[in-house]
Amino acid sequence: AYGYHILKVTDIQPARARSFAECRQELLDVLRAQKEEAAFNAWLNNLKMKAVVKKEINVLRENTPS
């Protein structure tokens, strides 16, 4: 993350297009992760819409140290 990183190149391969068969599992993993995130966000937003938040100032004042 932060700081210095030292890398050593051990092999150089020319750029090439990968076949669908080579990318298939990676694509499925990305799509699955996107669907999971979308489902989680929908669930969370649904919970937020149903949530009832009450502000009880008296309770906050009682529990606040002086």
C-alpha atoms as a PDB file:
ATOM      1  CA  ALA A   1       0.000   0.000   0.000  1.00  0.00           C
ATOM      2  CA  TYR A   2       2.299   2.781   1.220  1.00  0.00           C
ATOM      3  CA  GLY A   3       6.047   3.048   1.189  1.00  0.00           C
ATOM      4  CA  TYR A   4       8.519   1.679  -1.287  1.00  0.00           C
ATOM      5  CA  HIS A   5       8.096  -1.497  -3.275  1.00  0.00           C
ATOM      6  CA  ILE A   6      10.911  -3.288  -5.039  1.00  0.00           C
ATOM      7  CA  LEU A   7       9.992  -5.526  -7.957  1.00  0.00           C
ATOM      8  CA  LYS A   8      12.129  -7.861  -9.982  1.00  0.00           C
ATOM      9  CA  VAL A   9      11.091  -8.737 -13.537  1.00  0.00           C
ATOM     10  CA  THR A  10      11.796 -12.414 -14.119  1.00  0.00           C
ATOM     11  CA  ASP A  11       9.985 -12.932 -17.429  1.00  0.00           C
ATOM     12  CA  ILE A  12       8.630 -10.833 -20.281  1.00  0.00           C
ATOM     13  CA  GLN A  13       5.799 -12.111 -22.433  1.00  0.00           C
ATOM     14  CA  PRO A  14       4.426 -10.340 -25.486  1.00  0.00           C
ATOM     15  CA  ALA A  15       0.922  -8.888 -25.224  1.00  0.00           C
ATOM     16  CA  ARG A  16      -1.827 -11.060 -26.647  1.00  0.00           C
ATOM     17  CA  ALA A  17      -5.585 -11.372 -26.650  1.00  0.00           C
ATOM     18  CA  ARG A  18      -6.863 -14.087 -24.356  1.00  0.00           C
ATOM     19  CA  SER A  19      -9.504 -16.497 -25.573  1.00  0.00           C
ATOM     20  CA  PHE A  20     -12.952 -16.629 -24.010  1.00  0.00           C
ATOM     21  CA  ALA A  21     -12.132 -20.040 -22.539  1.00  0.00           C
ATOM     22  CA  GLU A  22      -9.152 -18.523 -20.717  1.00  0.00           C
ATOM     23  CA  CYS A  23     -11.234 -15.620 -19.368  1.00  0.00           C
ATOM     24  CA  ARG A  24     -14.496 -17.459 -18.702  1.00  0.00           C
ATOM     25  CA  GLN A  25     -14.046 -18.199 -14.995  1.00  0.00           C
ATOM     26  CA  GLU A  26     -12.669 -14.739 -14.267  1.00  0.00           C
ATOM     27  CA  LEU A  27     -15.666 -13.166 -16.037  1.00  0.00           C
ATOM     28  CA  LEU A  28     -18.093 -15.380 -14.124  1.00  0.00           C
ATOM     29  CA  ASP A  29     -16.445 -14.396 -10.833  1.00  0.00           C
ATOM     30  CA  VAL A  30     -16.701 -10.684 -11.654  1.00  0.00           C
ATOM     31  CA  LEU A  31     -20.343 -10.978 -12.724  1.00  0.00           C
ATOM     32  CA  ARG A  32     -21.213 -12.989  -9.603  1.00  0.00           C
ATOM     33  CA  ALA A  33     -19.531 -10.401  -7.373  1.00  0.00           C
ATOM     34  CA  GLN A  34     -21.432  -7.582  -9.111  1.00  0.00           C
ATOM     35  CA  LYS A  35     -24.759  -9.386  -8.661  1.00  0.00           C
ATOM     36  CA  GLU A  36     -23.994 -10.112  -4.997  1.00  0.00           C
ATOM     37  CA  GLU A  37     -23.132  -6.465  -4.379  1.00  0.00           C
ATOM     38  CA  ALA A  38     -26.305  -5.282  -6.141  1.00  0.00           C
ATOM     39  CA  ALA A  39     -28.448  -7.717  -4.132  1.00  0.00           C
ATOM     40  CA  PHE A  40     -26.794  -6.655  -0.869  1.00  0.00           C
ATOM     41  CA  ASN A  41     -27.289  -2.958  -1.658  1.00  0.00           C
ATOM     42  CA  ALA A  42     -30.956  -3.549  -2.513  1.00  0.00           C
ATOM     43  CA  TRP A  43     -31.434  -5.466   0.758  1.00  0.00           C
ATOM     44  CA  LEU A  44     -29.666  -2.754   2.762  1.00  0.00           C
ATOM     45  CA  ASN A  45     -31.667   0.045   1.121  1.00  0.00           C
ATOM     46  CA  ASN A  46     -34.872  -1.860   1.863  1.00  0.00           C
ATOM     47  CA  LEU A  47     -33.864  -2.121   5.527  1.00  0.00           C
ATOM     48  CA  LYS A  48     -33.048   1.591   5.641  1.00  0.00           C
ATOM     49  CA  MET A  49     -36.473   2.479   4.213  1.00  0.00           C
ATOM     50  CA  LYS A  50     -38.208   0.317   6.837  1.00  0.00           C
ATOM     51  CA  ALA A  51     -36.084   1.559   9.738  1.00  0.00           C
ATOM     52  CA  VAL A  52     -37.575   3.866  12.323  1.00  0.00           C
ATOM     53  CA  VAL A  53     -35.090   6.229  13.928  1.00  0.00           C
ATOM     54  CA  LYS A  54     -36.137   8.121  17.035  1.00  0.00           C
ATOM     55  CA  LYS A  55     -34.028  10.858  18.571  1.00  0.00           C
ATOM     56  CA  GLU A  56     -34.543  10.979  22.302  1.00  0.00           C
ATOM     57  CA  ILE A  57     -32.666  14.060  23.428  1.00  0.00           C
ATOM     58  CA  ASN A  58     -33.467  13.475  27.112  1.00  0.00           C
ATOM     59  CA  VAL A  59     -31.776  10.073  27.091  1.00  0.00           C
ATOM     60  CA  LEU A  60     -28.749  11.527  25.340  1.00  0.00           C
ATOM     61  CA  ARG A  61     -28.463  14.309  27.921  1.00  0.00           C
ATOM     62  CA  GLU A  62     -28.732  11.827  30.813  1.00  0.00           C
ATOM     63  CA  ASN A  63     -25.966   9.599  29.453  1.00  0.00           C
ATOM     64  CA  THR A  64     -23.574  12.373  28.455  1.00  0.00           C
ATOM     65  CA  PRO A  65     -20.752  12.912  30.970  1.00  0.00           C
ATOM     66  CA  SER A  66     -20.380  16.483  32.225  1.00  0.00           C
END
